[in-house]
Each structure stands twice: as structure tokens, then as C-alpha cells.
Protein backbone atom coordinates (compact mmCIF):
# COMPACT_ATOMS: atom_id res chain seq x y z
CA MET A 1 108.70 80.60 31.98
CA GLN A 2 111.63 81.15 34.12
CA GLY A 3 111.15 84.52 33.16
CA VAL A 4 107.40 84.65 35.02
CA ALA A 5 109.11 83.12 37.81
CA GLN A 6 111.88 85.19 38.71
CA LYS A 7 109.39 88.42 37.87
CA ALA A 8 107.21 86.63 40.19
CA ARG A 9 110.04 86.02 42.90
CA ARG A 10 111.36 89.30 42.46
CA LYS A 11 107.69 90.89 42.95
CA GLN A 12 107.49 88.66 46.43
CA ASN A 13 110.44 90.16 47.40
CA LEU A 14 109.77 93.60 47.06
CA ASP A 15 106.20 93.33 48.51
CA ASP A 16 108.08 91.63 51.05
CA VAL A 17 110.77 94.58 51.57
CA GLN A 18 107.75 96.79 51.35
CA ASP A 19 105.80 95.51 54.15
CA PHE A 20 109.10 95.35 56.11
CA PHE A 21 110.04 99.14 56.12
CA ALA A 22 106.11 99.62 56.59
CA THR A 23 106.34 97.76 59.79
CA GLU A 24 109.90 99.23 60.79
CA TYR A 25 108.08 102.95 59.51
CA HIS A 26 104.86 102.21 62.15
CA ASP A 27 107.36 101.11 65.34
CA LEU A 28 109.14 103.98 65.02
CA ARG A 29 106.04 106.61 64.73
CA GLU A 30 104.88 104.54 67.97
CA GLN A 31 108.01 104.76 69.81
CA GLN A 32 108.39 108.32 69.09
CA LYS A 33 104.60 108.48 70.23
CA LEU A 34 106.00 107.53 74.10
CA ASN A 35 109.03 108.95 74.45
CA SER A 36 107.52 112.40 73.51
CA THR A 37 104.41 111.37 76.76
CA GLN A 38 107.37 110.31 78.67
CA VAL A 39 109.56 113.10 78.28
CA GLY A 40 108.12 116.37 78.78
CA PHE A 41 109.34 118.67 76.54
CA HIS A 42 108.87 116.64 73.63
CA SER A 43 105.02 116.86 74.21
CA ALA A 44 105.57 121.02 73.69
CA ASN A 45 106.50 119.35 70.01
CA ALA A 46 103.57 117.18 69.48
CA ALA A 47 101.24 120.00 70.46
CA MET A 48 103.42 122.47 68.07
CA GLU A 49 102.50 119.97 65.25
CA GLN A 50 99.05 120.10 66.09
CA VAL A 51 99.10 123.51 65.73
CA GLN A 52 100.48 123.80 62.49
CA ILE A 53 97.90 121.28 60.94
CA VAL A 54 94.77 123.08 62.65
CA SER A 55 96.57 126.42 61.40
CA ALA A 56 96.56 124.64 57.81
CA LEU A 57 92.92 123.52 58.24
CA ASP A 58 92.17 126.97 59.21
CA ASN A 59 93.84 128.59 55.70
CA LEU A 60 92.29 125.47 54.06
CA ALA A 61 88.40 126.67 54.61
CA LEU A 62 90.05 131.18 54.31
CA ALA A 63 90.79 129.10 50.63
CA ALA A 64 87.48 127.57 50.47
CA THR A 65 85.52 130.69 51.32
CA THR A 66 87.27 133.07 49.64
CA ASP A 67 86.94 130.91 46.44
CA ARG A 68 83.12 130.71 47.08
CA ASP A 69 83.02 134.74 47.28
CA ILE A 70 84.70 134.92 43.82
CA VAL A 71 82.77 132.41 42.07
CA ALA A 72 80.00 134.47 43.63
CA LYS A 73 81.69 137.82 42.33
CA LEU A 74 82.12 136.17 38.55
CA THR A 75 78.42 135.06 38.50
CA ALA A 76 77.27 138.99 39.17
CA ILE A 77 79.81 140.03 36.86
CA THR A 78 78.47 137.15 34.11
CA THR A 79 74.97 138.53 34.63
CA GLU A 80 75.70 142.05 34.43
CA LEU A 81 77.51 141.47 30.92
CA ALA A 82 74.73 139.57 29.34
CA ALA A 83 71.81 142.43 30.32
CA THR A 84 74.19 144.47 28.63
CA ASN A 85 74.79 142.31 25.71
CA LYS A 86 71.24 141.69 25.39
CA SER A 87 70.77 145.68 25.52
CA LEU A 88 73.56 146.32 22.90
CA THR A 89 71.98 143.51 20.49
CA GLU A 90 68.52 145.36 20.52
CA GLN A 91 70.33 148.40 19.56
CA ILE A 92 71.87 147.18 16.79
CA LYS A 93 69.05 145.60 15.36
CA GLN A 94 67.12 149.05 15.60
CA LEU A 95 70.48 150.59 14.43
CA LEU A 96 70.24 147.88 11.17
CA ALA A 97 66.24 148.37 10.35
CA THR A 98 67.00 152.20 10.59
CA ASN A 99 70.16 151.70 7.94
CA ALA A 100 68.01 149.43 5.65
CA ALA A 101 65.51 152.32 5.73
CA LEU A 102 68.19 155.04 5.12
CA VAL A 103 69.70 152.67 1.69
CA GLY A 104 65.73 152.11 0.04
CA ARG A 105 65.13 155.98 0.70
CA ALA A 106 68.35 156.24 -1.19
CA SER A 107 67.92 153.65 -3.63
CA THR A 108 64.89 154.57 -4.69
CA GLY A 109 64.78 158.59 -4.27
CA THR A 110 61.25 158.12 -1.90
CA PRO A 111 61.77 158.91 1.80
CA ALA A 112 61.23 156.08 3.93
CA THR A 113 60.55 155.87 7.98
CA PRO A 114 63.24 154.81 9.69
CA ALA A 115 63.06 152.77 12.96
CA THR A 116 61.42 153.62 16.00
CA ASN A 117 63.57 153.74 19.12
CA THR A 118 62.65 153.59 22.62
CA ASP A 119 64.32 156.33 23.35
CA GLY A 120 61.77 159.10 21.77
CA ASP A 121 62.84 158.55 18.54
CA THR A 122 65.98 160.60 18.91
CA ALA A 123 68.37 158.56 17.45
CA ALA A 124 66.20 157.95 14.23
CA LYS A 125 65.66 161.55 14.27
CA ARG A 126 69.25 162.29 14.32
CA ILE A 127 70.03 160.04 11.52
CA ALA A 128 67.38 161.54 9.46
CA ARG A 129 68.85 164.99 9.83
CA LEU A 130 72.32 163.40 9.29
CA ALA A 131 71.56 162.30 6.16
CA ASN A 132 69.72 165.49 5.18
CA LEU A 133 72.68 167.60 6.03
CA GLU A 134 74.36 164.98 3.80
CA ALA A 135 72.34 165.43 0.71
CA LYS A 136 73.05 169.15 1.21
CA ARG A 137 76.82 168.53 0.61
CA ASP A 138 78.65 170.29 -2.03
CA PRO A 139 80.73 167.66 -3.47
CA ASN A 140 83.21 170.12 -5.01
CA GLY A 141 83.31 172.69 -2.08
CA TYR A 142 85.87 173.63 0.17
CA CYS A 143 86.38 175.93 2.95
CA TRP A 144 90.12 177.32 4.45
CA THR A 145 88.70 177.08 8.12
CA HIS A 146 86.69 173.83 7.57
CA GLY A 147 87.73 171.67 4.99
CA TYR A 148 86.13 170.24 2.17
CA ARG A 149 82.84 168.79 3.82
CA VAL A 150 80.88 171.77 3.42
CA VAL A 151 77.32 172.61 2.48
CA ARG A 152 76.16 173.77 -1.13
CA GLY A 153 76.97 177.64 -0.82
CA HIS A 154 79.66 177.45 1.65
CA THR A 155 83.20 178.67 0.32
CA SER A 156 86.06 180.28 2.37
CA LYS A 157 84.55 183.52 1.05
CA SER A 158 81.33 183.05 2.18
CA CYS A 159 82.40 181.44 5.71
CA THR A 160 80.92 183.13 8.62
CA SER A 161 82.62 181.04 11.34
CA ARG A 162 86.37 181.83 10.47
CA ALA A 163 89.46 181.11 12.39
CA ASN A 164 92.44 183.07 13.12
CA GLY A 165 94.19 183.19 9.58
CA HIS A 166 91.96 182.47 7.44
CA GLN A 167 92.20 182.43 3.78
CA GLU A 168 89.27 183.59 1.93
CA ALA A 169 90.82 183.23 -1.31
CA ALA A 170 91.25 179.48 -0.57
CA THR A 171 89.30 176.59 -2.84
CA ARG A 172 89.69 173.16 -3.51
CA GLN A 173 92.74 173.29 -5.76
CA ASP A 174 94.34 175.80 -3.46
CA THR A 175 93.86 175.22 -0.09
CA MET A 176 96.81 177.78 1.13
CA SER A 177 97.51 175.13 3.92
CA GLY A 178 93.85 175.36 5.10
CA CYS A 179 92.06 172.72 6.85
CA MET A 180 91.81 168.93 5.18
CA THR A 181 89.21 167.42 7.40
CA TRP A 182 87.36 165.03 4.85
CA LYS A 183 89.78 165.20 2.15
CA PRO A 184 88.89 162.62 -0.22
CA ALA A 185 91.27 159.98 -0.95
CA GLU A 186 93.19 160.72 -4.51
């Protein structure tokens, strides 16, 4: 019980000290105000403090305005990104449908109709052309200029679009330091 009473007295003493210093501080400020108004050059210091406060408030207002502008720009960018994301999602859906059709065509051996596209079906036509070209590829072919991915009948000897230094005798087994593009993993 004695500890509680001591704590209460200490708290009362602390409150008294705080009240004393607060009163003294306010008295000092009042005295400084009176002195600054009585003496001419001290009023210039008070005016300077007011200018600094006004300047600080101006800076705060400018910062708030700048923050608002930044938020507006970020909102516009977010809206644009959402639209782009939506467009890309649609393109992915179309590509997945085209891919599913091509997989169906490859597994059944029957022609499948690729998904239509909003740009006149050019993407689907391109995929169909690539699938057609892939079917014509020679899995064992090689050309010194064009590498390992050539159509049936295209060899180093039959190549009509030769690079400088083209070697007619180059084959898949002996490339003669020719093109290594599309070389399968061993």
C-alpha cells in the first residue's frame, strides 16, 4: 500500500513540475511578444517567422496538389493497363482455341477449323500455313546454308538460295561446318 501512495505522490509531483514549466514557458513567450513589439527590430524577426510559416504552408499545399496529380496519372496508367490486359486475354483465348484445333487435327489426322480472329483471320491462316509447312519438313534433311529444318527434297546439292561458301556435299552426318540452325538435341 505504501508503494501505491509513493507512486501517487510522485505522479502529483510530476504533474506539479509539468504545470510549473508550462506556466513559465507561456509567461516567457508573452514576455518575448511584448519585448518584440516594444523594440523595433524584434518585430522584423516576428515578421520573418510569419513569412516562414506562410512559406511552409505554401509548400504543404503544393505537395498535396502534386500528390493529387500523381494519383490521377497513376489512375490513367492503371486504366490503360487494364484495357491492354483485357485485349491480351482475348488474344490468348483465341490462340488457345487455335492450338486446340491444331492439336485435334494432328491427333485425328482430319482437318480442323482454327478459331476465327478479329483481324480477318490472318493469325489463324498463318498458323495453318505453318502447320502445312511443318508437315512438308524432312526430319532427316540438311542444307549447308539453311541448316536442319528443310522441306523434303531440299538438300545442300539442290539448294537454290545458297550463301557464300556453300558446300554442295554437306549432309546431316557431315555438315562441313555449315549452318547449325534447328539442330536437334542429341
